[in-house]
Amino acid sequence: MAFVKAGAIAELPPGKIREYQVNGKAIAIANVGGKCFAINGVCLHQGGPLGDGELSGKMVICPWHAWDYDVTTGKLAANPSVGVESYPAEIREGDIYVDIG
């Protein structure tokens, strides 16, 4: 699959994360120091919305039960052998594009 526009970078200031619907899929996109990272927006634990979580550096904390994930890889901090899918993301002319494969 090709890159798909998720939204405008103006909607996502540095240090923030939010959920976007990309081709019907919940994707959490984080702006870490001006670079965007995209992961599957559904927590492995009980399906919490990672896009509604708190971003601290490159870690997002699920708002439901505090599982934390590295947004650059999708890996679970407590057990890096598992995690959510991570997707390529880039900024083009003021918009965020994601390739969810």
PDB file of N, CA and C in Angstrom:
ATOM      1  N   MET A   1       0.846  -1.186   0.000  1.00  0.00           N
ATOM      2  CA  MET A   1       0.000   0.000   0.000  1.00  0.00           C
ATOM      3  C   MET A   1       0.888   1.246   0.000  1.00  0.00           C
ATOM      4  N   ALA A   2       0.346   2.330  -0.373  1.00  0.00           N
ATOM      5  CA  ALA A   2       1.086   3.591  -0.467  1.00  0.00           C
ATOM      6  C   ALA A   2       0.801   4.489   0.733  1.00  0.00           C
ATOM      7  N   PHE A   3       1.552   5.553   0.819  1.00  0.00           N
ATOM      8  CA  PHE A   3       1.325   6.535   1.875  1.00  0.00           C
ATOM      9  C   PHE A   3      -0.041   7.190   1.684  1.00  0.00           C
ATOM     10  N   VAL A   4      -0.745   7.398   2.801  1.00  0.00           N
ATOM     11  CA  VAL A   4      -2.075   8.002   2.808  1.00  0.00           C
ATOM     12  C   VAL A   4      -2.044   9.202   3.754  1.00  0.00           C
ATOM     13  N   LYS A   5      -2.686  10.279   3.342  1.00  0.00           N
ATOM     14  CA  LYS A   5      -2.746  11.474   4.193  1.00  0.00           C
ATOM     15  C   LYS A   5      -3.597  11.185   5.430  1.00  0.00           C
ATOM     16  N   ALA A   6      -3.020  11.485   6.602  1.00  0.00           N
ATOM     17  CA  ALA A   6      -3.735  11.290   7.862  1.00  0.00           C
ATOM     18  C   ALA A   6      -4.325  12.603   8.368  1.00  0.00           C
ATOM     19  N   GLY A   7      -3.598  13.702   8.210  1.00  0.00           N
ATOM     20  CA  GLY A   7      -4.058  15.000   8.686  1.00  0.00           C
ATOM     21  C   GLY A   7      -2.968  16.036   8.547  1.00  0.00           C
ATOM     22  N   ALA A   8      -3.251  17.215   9.054  1.00  0.00           N
ATOM     23  CA  ALA A   8      -2.305  18.323   8.979  1.00  0.00           C
ATOM     24  C   ALA A   8      -1.367  18.323  10.181  1.00  0.00           C
ATOM     25  N   ILE A   9      -0.105  18.607   9.948  1.00  0.00           N
ATOM     26  CA  ILE A   9       0.868  18.666  11.039  1.00  0.00           C
ATOM     27  C   ILE A   9       0.515  19.786  12.022  1.00  0.00           C
ATOM     28  N   ALA A  10      -0.196  20.804  11.574  1.00  0.00           N
ATOM     29  CA  ALA A  10      -0.605  21.897  12.465  1.00  0.00           C
ATOM     30  C   ALA A  10      -1.521  21.399  13.582  1.00  0.00           C
ATOM     31  N   GLU A  11      -2.192  20.267  13.368  1.00  0.00           N
ATOM     32  CA  GLU A  11      -3.075  19.680  14.379  1.00  0.00           C
ATOM     33  C   GLU A  11      -2.306  18.892  15.438  1.00  0.00           C
ATOM     34  N   LEU A  12      -1.012  18.687  15.227  1.00  0.00           N
ATOM     35  CA  LEU A  12      -0.218  17.826  16.096  1.00  0.00           C
ATOM     36  C   LEU A  12       1.104  18.502  16.476  1.00  0.00           C
ATOM     37  N   PRO A  13       1.081  19.373  17.475  1.00  0.00           N
ATOM     38  CA  PRO A  13       2.318  20.058  17.863  1.00  0.00           C
ATOM     39  C   PRO A  13       3.338  19.095  18.483  1.00  0.00           C
ATOM     40  N   PRO A  14       4.605  19.472  18.495  1.00  0.00           N
ATOM     41  CA  PRO A  14       5.626  18.623  19.118  1.00  0.00           C
ATOM     42  C   PRO A  14       5.244  18.267  20.556  1.00  0.00           C
ATOM     43  N   GLY A  15       5.523  17.017  20.908  1.00  0.00           N
ATOM     44  CA  GLY A  15       5.237  16.539  22.259  1.00  0.00           C
ATOM     45  C   GLY A  15       3.815  16.037  22.451  1.00  0.00           C
ATOM     46  N   LYS A  16       3.064  15.928  21.358  1.00  0.00           N
ATOM     47  CA  LYS A  16       1.673  15.483  21.435  1.00  0.00           C
ATOM     48  C   LYS A  16       1.454  14.218  20.618  1.00  0.00           C
ATOM     49  N   ILE A  17       0.398  13.487  20.973  1.00  0.00           N
ATOM     50  CA  ILE A  17      -0.028  12.303  20.248  1.00  0.00           C
ATOM     51  C   ILE A  17      -1.533  12.387  20.099  1.00  0.00           C
ATOM     52  N   ARG A  18      -2.043  11.838  19.011  1.00  0.00           N
ATOM     53  CA  ARG A  18      -3.493  11.780  18.838  1.00  0.00           C
ATOM     54  C   ARG A  18      -3.851  10.659  17.879  1.00  0.00           C
ATOM     55  N   GLU A  19      -5.110  10.301  17.907  1.00  0.00           N
ATOM     56  CA  GLU A  19      -5.593   9.229  17.044  1.00  0.00           C
ATOM     57  C   GLU A  19      -6.101   9.790  15.718  1.00  0.00           C
ATOM     58  N   TYR A  20      -5.774   9.085  14.660  1.00  0.00           N
ATOM     59  CA  TYR A  20      -6.256   9.384  13.320  1.00  0.00           C
ATOM     60  C   TYR A  20      -6.876   8.109  12.760  1.00  0.00           C
ATOM     61  N   GLN A  21      -7.873   8.256  11.937  1.00  0.00           N
ATOM     62  CA  GLN A  21      -8.436   7.124  11.209  1.00  0.00           C
ATOM     63  C   GLN A  21      -7.783   7.109   9.826  1.00  0.00           C
ATOM     64  N   VAL A  22      -7.084   6.028   9.533  1.00  0.00           N
ATOM     65  CA  VAL A  22      -6.409   5.885   8.248  1.00  0.00           C
ATOM     66  C   VAL A  22      -6.935   4.603   7.602  1.00  0.00           C
ATOM     67  N   ASN A  23      -7.665   4.782   6.522  1.00  0.00           N
ATOM     68  CA  ASN A  23      -8.294   3.641   5.845  1.00  0.00           C
ATOM     69  C   ASN A  23      -9.094   2.773   6.813  1.00  0.00           C
ATOM     70  N   GLY A  24      -9.813   3.420   7.726  1.00  0.00           N
ATOM     71  CA  GLY A  24     -10.675   2.716   8.671  1.00  0.00           C
ATOM     72  C   GLY A  24      -9.963   2.106   9.862  1.00  0.00           C
ATOM     73  N   LYS A  25      -8.693   2.407  10.026  1.00  0.00           N
ATOM     74  CA  LYS A  25      -7.900   1.829  11.109  1.00  0.00           C
ATOM     75  C   LYS A  25      -7.456   2.934  12.072  1.00  0.00           C
ATOM     76  N   ALA A  26      -7.559   2.667  13.384  1.00  0.00           N
ATOM     77  CA  ALA A  26      -7.124   3.634  14.392  1.00  0.00           C
ATOM     78  C   ALA A  26      -5.596   3.632  14.463  1.00  0.00           C
ATOM     79  N   ILE A  27      -5.009   4.781  14.130  1.00  0.00           N
ATOM     80  CA  ILE A  27      -3.554   4.939  14.149  1.00  0.00           C
ATOM     81  C   ILE A  27      -3.213   6.070  15.115  1.00  0.00           C
ATOM     82  N   ALA A  28      -2.289   5.797  16.036  1.00  0.00           N
ATOM     83  CA  ALA A  28      -1.804   6.835  16.949  1.00  0.00           C
ATOM     84  C   ALA A  28      -0.555   7.445  16.318  1.00  0.00           C
ATOM     85  N   ILE A  29      -0.605   8.753  16.102  1.00  0.00           N
ATOM     86  CA  ILE A  29       0.541   9.448  15.516  1.00  0.00           C
ATOM     87  C   ILE A  29       1.079  10.429  16.554  1.00  0.00           C
ATOM     88  N   ALA A  30       2.389  10.346  16.775  1.00  0.00           N
ATOM     89  CA  ALA A  30       3.058  11.193  17.754  1.00  0.00           C
ATOM     90  C   ALA A  30       4.043  12.111  17.050  1.00  0.00           C
ATOM     91  N   ASN A  31       4.148  13.328  17.565  1.00  0.00           N
ATOM     92  CA  ASN A  31       5.132  14.287  17.075  1.00  0.00           C
ATOM     93  C   ASN A  31       6.227  14.378  18.130  1.00  0.00           C
ATOM     94  N   VAL A  32       7.367  13.776  17.832  1.00  0.00           N
ATOM     95  CA  VAL A  32       8.496  13.772  18.759  1.00  0.00           C
ATOM     96  C   VAL A  32       9.578  14.662  18.161  1.00  0.00           C
ATOM     97  N   GLY A  33       9.697  15.858  18.707  1.00  0.00           N
ATOM     98  CA  GLY A  33      10.712  16.787  18.241  1.00  0.00           C
ATOM     99  C   GLY A  33      10.585  17.181  16.779  1.00  0.00           C
ATOM    100  N   GLY A  34       9.362  17.248  16.271  1.00  0.00           N
ATOM    101  CA  GLY A  34       9.141  17.647  14.891  1.00  0.00           C
ATOM    102  C   GLY A  34       9.136  16.506  13.895  1.00  0.00           C
ATOM    103  N   LYS A  35       9.346  15.274  14.381  1.00  0.00           N
ATOM    104  CA  LYS A  35       9.281  14.096  13.518  1.00  0.00           C
ATOM    105  C   LYS A  35       8.082  13.259  13.933  1.00  0.00           C
ATOM    106  N   CYS A  36       7.333  12.759  12.953  1.00  0.00           N
ATOM    107  CA  CYS A  36       6.128  11.982  13.253  1.00  0.00           C
ATOM    108  C   CYS A  36       6.416  10.485  13.251  1.00  0.00           C
ATOM    109  N   PHE A  37       5.778   9.806  14.198  1.00  0.00           N
ATOM    110  CA  PHE A  37       5.847   8.359  14.319  1.00  0.00           C
ATOM    111  C   PHE A  37       4.433   7.835  14.419  1.00  0.00           C
ATOM    112  N   ALA A  38       4.160   6.715  13.744  1.00  0.00           N
ATOM    113  CA  ALA A  38       2.815   6.154  13.723  1.00  0.00           C
ATOM    114  C   ALA A  38       2.840   4.707  14.211  1.00  0.00           C
ATOM    115  N   ILE A  39       1.891   4.390  15.103  1.00  0.00           N
ATOM    116  CA  ILE A  39       1.737   3.025  15.599  1.00  0.00           C
ATOM    117  C   ILE A  39       0.249   2.667  15.582  1.00  0.00           C
ATOM    118  N   ASN A  40      -0.016   1.376  15.645  1.00  0.00           N
ATOM    119  CA  ASN A  40      -1.400   0.933  15.790  1.00  0.00           C
ATOM    120  C   ASN A  40      -1.949   1.586  17.054  1.00  0.00           C
ATOM    121  N   GLY A  41      -3.141   2.149  16.979  1.00  0.00           N
ATOM    122  CA  GLY A  41      -3.698   2.927  18.081  1.00  0.00           C
ATOM    123  C   GLY A  41      -4.434   2.128  19.134  1.00  0.00           C
ATOM    124  N   VAL A  42      -4.367   0.792  19.072  1.00  0.00           N
ATOM    125  CA  VAL A  42      -5.109  -0.045  20.012  1.00  0.00           C
ATOM    126  C   VAL A  42      -4.137  -0.783  20.923  1.00  0.00           C
ATOM    127  N   CYS A  43      -4.233  -0.529  22.222  1.00  0.00           N
ATOM    128  CA  CYS A  43      -3.359  -1.160  23.220  1.00  0.00           C
ATOM    129  C   CYS A  43      -3.562  -2.673  23.232  1.00  0.00           C
ATOM    130  N   LEU A  44      -2.487  -3.413  23.404  1.00  0.00           N
ATOM    131  CA  LEU A  44      -2.537  -4.867  23.457  1.00  0.00           C
ATOM    132  C   LEU A  44      -3.278  -5.386  24.682  1.00  0.00           C
ATOM    133  N   HIS A  45      -3.293  -4.626  25.745  1.00  0.00           N
ATOM    134  CA  HIS A  45      -3.857  -5.101  27.010  1.00  0.00           C
ATOM    135  C   HIS A  45      -5.363  -5.302  26.926  1.00  0.00           C
ATOM    136  N   GLN A  46      -6.111  -4.227  26.795  1.00  0.00           N
ATOM    137  CA  GLN A  46      -7.568  -4.335  26.719  1.00  0.00           C
ATOM    138  C   GLN A  46      -8.150  -3.380  25.684  1.00  0.00           C
ATOM    139  N   GLY A  47      -7.356  -3.053  24.687  1.00  0.00           N
ATOM    140  CA  GLY A  47      -7.857  -2.253  23.581  1.00  0.00           C
ATOM    141  C   GLY A  47      -7.973  -0.766  23.831  1.00  0.00           C
ATOM    142  N   GLY A  48      -7.238  -0.264  24.809  1.00  0.00           N
ATOM    143  CA  GLY A  48      -7.277   1.166  25.110  1.00  0.00           C
ATOM    144  C   GLY A  48      -6.794   2.005  23.940  1.00  0.00           C
ATOM    145  N   PRO A  49      -7.251   3.260  23.857  1.00  0.00           N
ATOM    146  CA  PRO A  49      -6.890   4.152  22.742  1.00  0.00           C
ATOM    147  C   PRO A  49      -5.551   4.851  22.967  1.00  0.00           C
ATOM    148  N   LEU A  50      -4.504   4.341  22.351  1.00  0.00           N
ATOM    149  CA  LEU A  50      -3.171   4.921  22.558  1.00  0.00           C
ATOM    150  C   LEU A  50      -3.095   6.368  22.101  1.00  0.00           C
ATOM    151  N   GLY A  51      -3.873   6.750  21.115  1.00  0.00           N
ATOM    152  CA  GLY A  51      -3.881   8.131  20.640  1.00  0.00           C
ATOM    153  C   GLY A  51      -4.413   9.119  21.666  1.00  0.00           C
ATOM    154  N   ASP A  52      -5.099   8.615  22.689  1.00  0.00           N
ATOM    155  CA  ASP A  52      -5.585   9.458  23.783  1.00  0.00           C
ATOM    156  C   ASP A  52      -4.644   9.433  24.977  1.00  0.00           C
ATOM    157  N   GLY A  53      -3.521   8.727  24.833  1.00  0.00           N
ATOM    158  CA  GLY A  53      -2.567   8.594  25.925  1.00  0.00           C
ATOM    159  C   GLY A  53      -1.716   9.833  26.130  1.00  0.00           C
ATOM    160  N   GLU A  54      -0.880   9.751  27.126  1.00  0.00           N
ATOM    161  CA  GLU A  54       0.045  10.832  27.467  1.00  0.00           C
ATOM    162  C   GLU A  54       1.394  10.509  26.827  1.00  0.00           C
ATOM    163  N   LEU A  55       1.966  11.474  26.109  1.00  0.00           N
ATOM    164  CA  LEU A  55       3.261  11.284  25.479  1.00  0.00           C
ATOM    165  C   LEU A  55       4.337  11.901  26.356  1.00  0.00           C
ATOM    166  N   SER A  56       5.339  11.101  26.684  1.00  0.00           N
ATOM    167  CA  SER A  56       6.475  11.568  27.473  1.00  0.00           C
ATOM    168  C   SER A  56       7.738  11.180  26.716  1.00  0.00           C
ATOM    169  N   GLY A  57       8.349  12.161  26.076  1.00  0.00           N
ATOM    170  CA  GLY A  57       9.494  11.858  25.218  1.00  0.00           C
ATOM    171  C   GLY A  57       9.016  11.024  24.044  1.00  0.00           C
ATOM    172  N   LYS A  58       9.535   9.799  23.941  1.00  0.00           N
ATOM    173  CA  LYS A  58       9.097   8.904  22.876  1.00  0.00           C
ATOM    174  C   LYS A  58       8.193   7.786  23.395  1.00  0.00           C
ATOM    175  N   MET A  59       7.736   7.908  24.621  1.00  0.00           N
ATOM    176  CA  MET A  59       6.874   6.888  25.223  1.00  0.00           C
ATOM    177  C   MET A  59       5.442   7.400  25.359  1.00  0.00           C
ATOM    178  N   VAL A  60       4.485   6.548  24.953  1.00  0.00           N
ATOM    179  CA  VAL A  60       3.071   6.877  25.149  1.00  0.00           C
ATOM    180  C   VAL A  60       2.532   5.933  26.216  1.00  0.00           C
ATOM    181  N   ILE A  61       1.765   6.497  27.124  1.00  0.00           N
ATOM    182  CA  ILE A  61       1.166   5.728  28.210  1.00  0.00           C
ATOM    183  C   ILE A  61      -0.320   5.568  27.915  1.00  0.00           C
ATOM    184  N   CYS A  62      -0.768   4.323  27.817  1.00  0.00           N
ATOM    185  CA  CYS A  62      -2.172   4.055  27.537  1.00  0.00           C
ATOM    186  C   CYS A  62      -3.027   4.648  28.659  1.00  0.00           C
ATOM    187  N   PRO A  63      -4.084   5.385  28.310  1.00  0.00           N
ATOM    188  CA  PRO A  63      -4.900   6.030  29.338  1.00  0.00           C
ATOM    189  C   PRO A  63      -5.744   5.057  30.171  1.00  0.00           C
ATOM    190  N   TRP A  64      -5.899   3.830  29.737  1.00  0.00           N
ATOM    191  CA  TRP A  64      -6.745   2.894  30.476  1.00  0.00           C
ATOM    192  C   TRP A  64      -6.020   2.195  31.619  1.00  0.00           C
ATOM    193  N   HIS A  65      -4.836   1.623  31.354  1.00  0.00           N
ATOM    194  CA  HIS A  65      -4.163   0.839  32.390  1.00  0.00           C
ATOM    195  C   HIS A  65      -2.656   1.080  32.447  1.00  0.00           C
ATOM    196  N   ALA A  66      -2.221   2.187  31.855  1.00  0.00           N
ATOM    197  CA  ALA A  66      -0.842   2.670  31.960  1.00  0.00           C
ATOM    198  C   ALA A  66       0.222   1.767  31.340  1.00  0.00           C
ATOM    199  N   TRP A  67      -0.134   0.958  30.369  1.00  0.00           N
ATOM    200  CA  TRP A  67       0.898   0.251  29.618  1.00  0.00           C
ATOM    201  C   TRP A  67       1.602   1.293  28.756  1.00  0.00           C
ATOM    202  N   ASP A  68       2.937   1.218  28.685  1.00  0.00           N
ATOM    203  CA  ASP A  68       3.636   2.224  27.892  1.00  0.00           C
ATOM    204  C   ASP A  68       4.402   1.606  26.732  1.00  0.00           C
ATOM    205  N   TYR A  69       4.361   2.344  25.625  1.00  0.00           N
ATOM    206  CA  TYR A  69       4.925   1.904  24.360  1.00  0.00           C
ATOM    207  C   TYR A  69       5.884   2.960  23.825  1.00  0.00           C
ATOM    208  N   ASP A  70       6.929   2.487  23.156  1.00  0.00           N
ATOM    209  CA  ASP A  70       7.858   3.360  22.451  1.00  0.00           C
ATOM    210  C   ASP A  70       7.224   3.687  21.092  1.00  0.00           C
ATOM    211  N   VAL A  71       6.902   4.941  20.845  1.00  0.00           N
ATOM    212  CA  VAL A  71       6.227   5.302  19.590  1.00  0.00           C
ATOM    213  C   VAL A  71       7.145   5.174  18.377  1.00  0.00           C
ATOM    214  N   THR A  72       8.444   5.097  18.586  1.00  0.00           N
ATOM    215  CA  THR A  72       9.357   4.961  17.455  1.00  0.00           C
ATOM    216  C   THR A  72       9.428   3.528  16.939  1.00  0.00           C
ATOM    217  N   THR A  73       9.027   2.567  17.780  1.00  0.00           N
ATOM    218  CA  THR A  73       9.103   1.149  17.400  1.00  0.00           C
ATOM    219  C   THR A  73       7.793   0.397  17.603  1.00  0.00           C
ATOM    220  N   GLY A  74       6.914   0.895  18.460  1.00  0.00           N
ATOM    221  CA  GLY A  74       5.689   0.192  18.817  1.00  0.00           C
ATOM    222  C   GLY A  74       5.888  -0.814  19.930  1.00  0.00           C
ATOM    223  N   LYS A  75       7.108  -0.971  20.420  1.00  0.00           N
ATOM    224  CA  LYS A  75       7.416  -1.989  21.431  1.00  0.00           C
ATOM    225  C   LYS A  75       6.932  -1.581  22.826  1.00  0.00           C
ATOM    226  N   LEU A  76       6.474  -2.570  23.559  1.00  0.00           N
ATOM    227  CA  LEU A  76       6.032  -2.397  24.929  1.00  0.00           C
ATOM    228  C   LEU A  76       7.257  -2.203  25.828  1.00  0.00           C
ATOM    229  N   ALA A  77       7.260  -1.189  26.659  1.00  0.00           N
ATOM    230  CA  ALA A  77       8.420  -0.886  27.502  1.00  0.00           C
ATOM    231  C   ALA A  77       8.733  -2.033  28.468  1.00  0.00           C
ATOM    232  N   ALA A  78       7.707  -2.640  29.041  1.00  0.00           N
ATOM    233  CA  ALA A  78       7.908  -3.702  30.027  1.00  0.00           C
ATOM    234  C   ALA A  78       8.361  -5.014  29.397  1.00  0.00           C
ATOM    235  N   ASN A  79       8.114  -5.191  28.099  1.00  0.00           N
ATOM    236  CA  ASN A  79       8.483  -6.420  27.413  1.00  0.00           C
ATOM    237  C   ASN A  79       8.712  -6.109  25.933  1.00  0.00           C
ATOM    238  N   PRO A  80       9.914  -5.650  25.573  1.00  0.00           N
ATOM    239  CA  PRO A  80      10.186  -5.233  24.195  1.00  0.00           C
ATOM    240  C   PRO A  80      10.084  -6.338  23.143  1.00  0.00           C
ATOM    241  N   SER A  81       9.843  -7.569  23.561  1.00  0.00           N
ATOM    242  CA  SER A  81       9.677  -8.635  22.570  1.00  0.00           C
ATOM    243  C   SER A  81       8.279  -8.608  21.943  1.00  0.00           C
ATOM    244  N   VAL A  82       7.376  -7.800  22.507  1.00  0.00           N
ATOM    245  CA  VAL A  82       6.031  -7.645  21.941  1.00  0.00           C
ATOM    246  C   VAL A  82       5.713  -6.169  21.773  1.00  0.00           C
ATOM    247  N   GLY A  83       4.700  -5.906  20.978  1.00  0.00           N
ATOM    248  CA  GLY A  83       4.297  -4.516  20.781  1.00  0.00           C
ATOM    249  C   GLY A  83       3.212  -4.415  19.732  1.00  0.00           C
ATOM    250  N   VAL A  84       2.838  -3.193  19.431  1.00  0.00           N
ATOM    251  CA  VAL A  84       1.862  -2.923  18.382  1.00  0.00           C
ATOM    252  C   VAL A  84       2.621  -2.625  17.093  1.00  0.00           C
ATOM    253  N   GLU A  85       1.913  -2.692  15.978  1.00  0.00           N
ATOM    254  CA  GLU A  85       2.549  -2.407  14.700  1.00  0.00           C
ATOM    255  C   GLU A  85       3.008  -0.954  14.630  1.00  0.00           C
ATOM    256  N   SER A  86       4.150  -0.772  13.994  1.00  0.00           N
ATOM    257  CA  SER A  86       4.708   0.557  13.743  1.00  0.00           C
ATOM    258  C   SER A  86       4.673   0.781  12.241  1.00  0.00           C
ATOM    259  N   TYR A  87       4.357   2.011  11.834  1.00  0.00           N
ATOM    260  CA  TYR A  87       4.198   2.313  10.413  1.00  0.00           C
ATOM    261  C   TYR A  87       5.085   3.488  10.010  1.00  0.00           C
ATOM    262  N   PRO A  88       5.593   3.470   8.766  1.00  0.00           N
ATOM    263  CA  PRO A  88       6.346   4.626   8.278  1.00  0.00           C
ATOM    264  C   PRO A  88       5.436   5.862   8.234  1.00  0.00           C
ATOM    265  N   ALA A  89       5.977   6.986   8.667  1.00  0.00           N
ATOM    266  CA  ALA A  89       5.244   8.256   8.628  1.00  0.00           C
ATOM    267  C   ALA A  89       6.194   9.349   8.165  1.00  0.00           C
ATOM    268  N   GLU A  90       5.629  10.302   7.443  1.00  0.00           N
ATOM    269  CA  GLU A  90       6.436  11.435   7.004  1.00  0.00           C
ATOM    270  C   GLU A  90       5.555  12.670   6.848  1.00  0.00           C
ATOM    271  N   ILE A  91       6.226  13.806   6.873  1.00  0.00           N
ATOM    272  CA  ILE A  91       5.538  15.087   6.703  1.00  0.00           C
ATOM    273  C   ILE A  91       5.840  15.585   5.299  1.00  0.00           C
ATOM    274  N   ARG A  92       4.770  15.921   4.579  1.00  0.00           N
ATOM    275  CA  ARG A  92       4.897  16.449   3.215  1.00  0.00           C
ATOM    276  C   ARG A  92       4.043  17.706   3.100  1.00  0.00           C
ATOM    277  N   GLU A  93       4.674  18.814   2.825  1.00  0.00           N
ATOM    278  CA  GLU A  93       3.978  20.071   2.572  1.00  0.00           C
ATOM    279  C   GLU A  93       2.896  20.368   3.625  1.00  0.00           C
ATOM    280  N   GLY A  94       3.242  20.160   4.884  1.00  0.00           N
ATOM    281  CA  GLY A  94       2.319  20.499   5.973  1.00  0.00           C
ATOM    282  C   GLY A  94       1.331  19.423   6.354  1.00  0.00           C
ATOM    283  N   ASP A  95       1.402  18.255   5.693  1.00  0.00           N
ATOM    284  CA  ASP A  95       0.503  17.168   6.013  1.00  0.00           C
ATOM    285  C   ASP A  95       1.275  15.932   6.463  1.00  0.00           C
ATOM    286  N   ILE A  96       0.609  15.117   7.297  1.00  0.00           N
ATOM    287  CA  ILE A  96       1.200  13.867   7.783  1.00  0.00           C
ATOM    288  C   ILE A  96       0.701  12.733   6.893  1.00  0.00           C
ATOM    289  N   TYR A  97       1.627  11.937   6.404  1.00  0.00           N
ATOM    290  CA  TYR A  97       1.304  10.769   5.587  1.00  0.00           C
ATOM    291  C   TYR A  97       1.805   9.506   6.284  1.00  0.00           C
ATOM    292  N   VAL A  98       0.989   8.446   6.220  1.00  0.00           N
ATOM    293  CA  VAL A  98       1.324   7.178   6.867  1.00  0.00           C
ATOM    294  C   VAL A  98       1.121   6.047   5.864  1.00  0.00           C
ATOM    295  N   ASP A  99       2.019   5.068   5.921  1.00  0.00           N
ATOM    296  CA  ASP A  99       1.883   3.866   5.100  1.00  0.00           C
ATOM    297  C   ASP A  99       1.560   2.705   6.033  1.00  0.00           C
ATOM    298  N   ILE A 100       0.277   2.294   6.054  1.00  0.00           N
ATOM    299  CA  ILE A 100      -0.127   1.227   6.955  1.00  0.00           C
ATOM    300  C   ILE A 100      -0.054  -0.157   6.293  1.00  0.00           C
ATOM    301  N   GLY A 101       0.552  -0.185   5.104  1.00  0.00           N
ATOM    302  CA  GLY A 101       0.799  -1.457   4.436  1.00  0.00           C
ATOM    303  C   GLY A 101      -0.353  -2.109   3.891  1.00  0.00           C
TER     304      GLY A 101
END
